[in-house]
Amino acid sequence: MRKGRRLTPAQLDQALEDLEILWRGLHSHAVNEALLMRAAETARAHALRSYDAVHLGGALAFAAGEQLDFACWDKELRAAAAKHGLALIPPRLSSSA
């Protein structure tokens, strides 16, 4: 976003600090056959694009028995995640919000 001049240097610094804080709370998940099967199911059920289906499939695999915060800005993916009961992080409307 900085390259496209959508962020000032100060906004970029703040965004990188925000990312660092968020990154510490992320858990990685290996893509395996089970995850891909779950992603295929969600893609068919919700008419999602492949990467969106993997995003949702991974979250659903992690969510088994746990409360997760789900972050995305794609309307269709947000709707599908909500149907599965995932807590949605509100999208930021601007980088200065």
C-alpha atoms as a PDB file:
ATOM      1  CA  MET A   1       0.000   0.000   0.000  1.00  0.00           C
ATOM      2  CA  ARG A   2       2.977   2.291   0.530  1.00  0.00           C
ATOM      3  CA  LYS A   3       4.216   1.640  -3.017  1.00  0.00           C
ATOM      4  CA  GLY A   4       0.800   2.627  -4.371  1.00  0.00           C
ATOM      5  CA  ARG A   5       0.926   5.766  -2.187  1.00  0.00           C
ATOM      6  CA  ARG A   6      -2.127   4.711  -0.237  1.00  0.00           C
ATOM      7  CA  LEU A   7      -0.167   4.966   3.031  1.00  0.00           C
ATOM      8  CA  THR A   8       2.056   7.714   4.331  1.00  0.00           C
ATOM      9  CA  PRO A   9       5.366   6.713   5.944  1.00  0.00           C
ATOM     10  CA  ALA A  10       3.793   7.232   9.390  1.00  0.00           C
ATOM     11  CA  GLN A  11       0.774   5.097   8.444  1.00  0.00           C
ATOM     12  CA  LEU A  12       3.103   2.370   7.144  1.00  0.00           C
ATOM     13  CA  ASP A  13       5.023   2.375  10.430  1.00  0.00           C
ATOM     14  CA  GLN A  14       1.749   2.050  12.364  1.00  0.00           C
ATOM     15  CA  ALA A  15       0.496  -0.710  10.051  1.00  0.00           C
ATOM     16  CA  LEU A  16       3.739  -2.668  10.546  1.00  0.00           C
ATOM     17  CA  GLU A  17       3.425  -2.307  14.331  1.00  0.00           C
ATOM     18  CA  ASP A  18      -0.186  -3.504  14.140  1.00  0.00           C
ATOM     19  CA  LEU A  19       0.878  -6.455  11.983  1.00  0.00           C
ATOM     20  CA  GLU A  20       3.587  -7.432  14.468  1.00  0.00           C
ATOM     21  CA  ILE A  21       1.030  -7.486  17.292  1.00  0.00           C
ATOM     22  CA  LEU A  22      -1.420  -9.531  15.220  1.00  0.00           C
ATOM     23  CA  TRP A  23       1.319 -11.899  14.002  1.00  0.00           C
ATOM     24  CA  ARG A  24       2.140 -12.925  17.574  1.00  0.00           C
ATOM     25  CA  GLY A  25      -1.424 -14.182  17.982  1.00  0.00           C
ATOM     26  CA  LEU A  26      -1.560 -16.200  14.754  1.00  0.00           C
ATOM     27  CA  HIS A  27      -1.276 -19.963  14.572  1.00  0.00           C
ATOM     28  CA  SER A  28      -0.051 -21.637  11.418  1.00  0.00           C
ATOM     29  CA  HIS A  29      -1.683 -24.715  10.004  1.00  0.00           C
ATOM     30  CA  ALA A  30      -0.120 -27.099   7.507  1.00  0.00           C
ATOM     31  CA  VAL A  31      -2.050 -27.605   4.301  1.00  0.00           C
ATOM     32  CA  ASN A  32      -2.758 -31.314   4.100  1.00  0.00           C
ATOM     33  CA  GLU A  33      -5.291 -33.560   2.419  1.00  0.00           C
ATOM     34  CA  ALA A  34      -7.833 -33.218   5.231  1.00  0.00           C
ATOM     35  CA  LEU A  35      -7.670 -29.427   5.046  1.00  0.00           C
ATOM     36  CA  LEU A  36      -8.022 -29.477   1.261  1.00  0.00           C
ATOM     37  CA  MET A  37     -11.054 -31.743   1.531  1.00  0.00           C
ATOM     38  CA  ARG A  38     -12.617 -29.342   4.041  1.00  0.00           C
ATOM     39  CA  ALA A  39     -11.781 -26.437   1.745  1.00  0.00           C
ATOM     40  CA  ALA A  40     -13.423 -28.210  -1.202  1.00  0.00           C
ATOM     41  CA  GLU A  41     -16.562 -28.729   0.888  1.00  0.00           C
ATOM     42  CA  THR A  42     -16.716 -25.062   1.885  1.00  0.00           C
ATOM     43  CA  ALA A  43     -16.015 -23.941  -1.677  1.00  0.00           C
ATOM     44  CA  ARG A  44     -18.976 -25.941  -2.950  1.00  0.00           C
ATOM     45  CA  ALA A  45     -21.288 -25.037  -0.075  1.00  0.00           C
ATOM     46  CA  HIS A  46     -20.604 -21.296  -0.229  1.00  0.00           C
ATOM     47  CA  ALA A  47     -19.406 -20.739  -3.832  1.00  0.00           C
ATOM     48  CA  LEU A  48     -15.997 -19.555  -2.581  1.00  0.00           C
ATOM     49  CA  ARG A  49     -12.798 -19.024  -4.536  1.00  0.00           C
ATOM     50  CA  SER A  50     -10.089 -21.592  -3.816  1.00  0.00           C
ATOM     51  CA  TYR A  51      -7.872 -19.447  -1.562  1.00  0.00           C
ATOM     52  CA  ASP A  52     -10.922 -18.234   0.356  1.00  0.00           C
ATOM     53  CA  ALA A  53     -12.052 -21.831   0.819  1.00  0.00           C
ATOM     54  CA  VAL A  54      -8.611 -22.807   2.172  1.00  0.00           C
ATOM     55  CA  HIS A  55      -8.728 -19.806   4.537  1.00  0.00           C
ATOM     56  CA  LEU A  56     -12.139 -20.863   5.853  1.00  0.00           C
ATOM     57  CA  GLY A  57     -11.279 -24.571   5.885  1.00  0.00           C
ATOM     58  CA  GLY A  58      -8.177 -23.882   7.963  1.00  0.00           C
ATOM     59  CA  ALA A  59     -10.116 -21.741  10.409  1.00  0.00           C
ATOM     60  CA  LEU A  60     -12.773 -24.417  10.776  1.00  0.00           C
ATOM     61  CA  ALA A  61     -10.092 -27.039  11.427  1.00  0.00           C
ATOM     62  CA  PHE A  62      -8.644 -24.850  14.189  1.00  0.00           C
ATOM     63  CA  ALA A  63     -12.043 -23.860  15.537  1.00  0.00           C
ATOM     64  CA  ALA A  64     -13.042 -27.343  16.622  1.00  0.00           C
ATOM     65  CA  GLY A  65     -13.993 -26.680  20.224  1.00  0.00           C
ATOM     66  CA  GLU A  66     -12.290 -23.283  20.425  1.00  0.00           C
ATOM     67  CA  GLN A  67     -13.312 -19.658  19.963  1.00  0.00           C
ATOM     68  CA  LEU A  68     -11.455 -18.015  17.076  1.00  0.00           C
ATOM     69  CA  ASP A  69     -11.444 -14.521  15.661  1.00  0.00           C
ATOM     70  CA  PHE A  70     -11.721 -14.683  11.866  1.00  0.00           C
ATOM     71  CA  ALA A  71     -10.228 -11.858   9.809  1.00  0.00           C
ATOM     72  CA  CYS A  72     -11.108 -11.217   6.190  1.00  0.00           C
ATOM     73  CA  TRP A  73     -12.547  -8.434   4.085  1.00  0.00           C
ATOM     74  CA  ASP A  74     -14.193 -10.447   1.312  1.00  0.00           C
ATOM     75  CA  LYS A  75     -17.996 -10.233   1.657  1.00  0.00           C
ATOM     76  CA  GLU A  76     -18.694 -13.810   0.526  1.00  0.00           C
ATOM     77  CA  LEU A  77     -16.007 -15.267   2.771  1.00  0.00           C
ATOM     78  CA  ARG A  78     -17.239 -13.230   5.760  1.00  0.00           C
ATOM     79  CA  ALA A  79     -20.785 -14.469   5.168  1.00  0.00           C
ATOM     80  CA  ALA A  80     -19.624 -18.090   4.948  1.00  0.00           C
ATOM     81  CA  ALA A  81     -17.540 -17.754   8.132  1.00  0.00           C
ATOM     82  CA  ALA A  82     -20.497 -16.227   9.961  1.00  0.00           C
ATOM     83  CA  LYS A  83     -22.696 -19.151   8.883  1.00  0.00           C
ATOM     84  CA  HIS A  84     -20.180 -21.454  10.566  1.00  0.00           C
ATOM     85  CA  GLY A  85     -20.357 -19.398  13.759  1.00  0.00           C
ATOM     86  CA  LEU A  86     -16.878 -17.875  13.591  1.00  0.00           C
ATOM     87  CA  ALA A  87     -16.365 -14.548  15.383  1.00  0.00           C
ATOM     88  CA  LEU A  88     -15.594 -11.930  12.733  1.00  0.00           C
ATOM     89  CA  ILE A  89     -13.038  -9.185  13.285  1.00  0.00           C
ATOM     90  CA  PRO A  90     -14.586  -5.967  11.962  1.00  0.00           C
ATOM     91  CA  PRO A  91     -12.737  -4.729   8.880  1.00  0.00           C
ATOM     92  CA  ARG A  92     -10.912  -1.439   9.268  1.00  0.00           C
ATOM     93  CA  LEU A  93     -12.369   1.171   6.970  1.00  0.00           C
ATOM     94  CA  SER A  94      -9.100   3.028   6.553  1.00  0.00           C
ATOM     95  CA  SER A  95      -5.493   2.684   7.558  1.00  0.00           C
ATOM     96  CA  SER A  96      -5.796   5.738   9.812  1.00  0.00           C
ATOM     97  CA  ALA A  97      -8.795   4.389  11.757  1.00  0.00           C
END
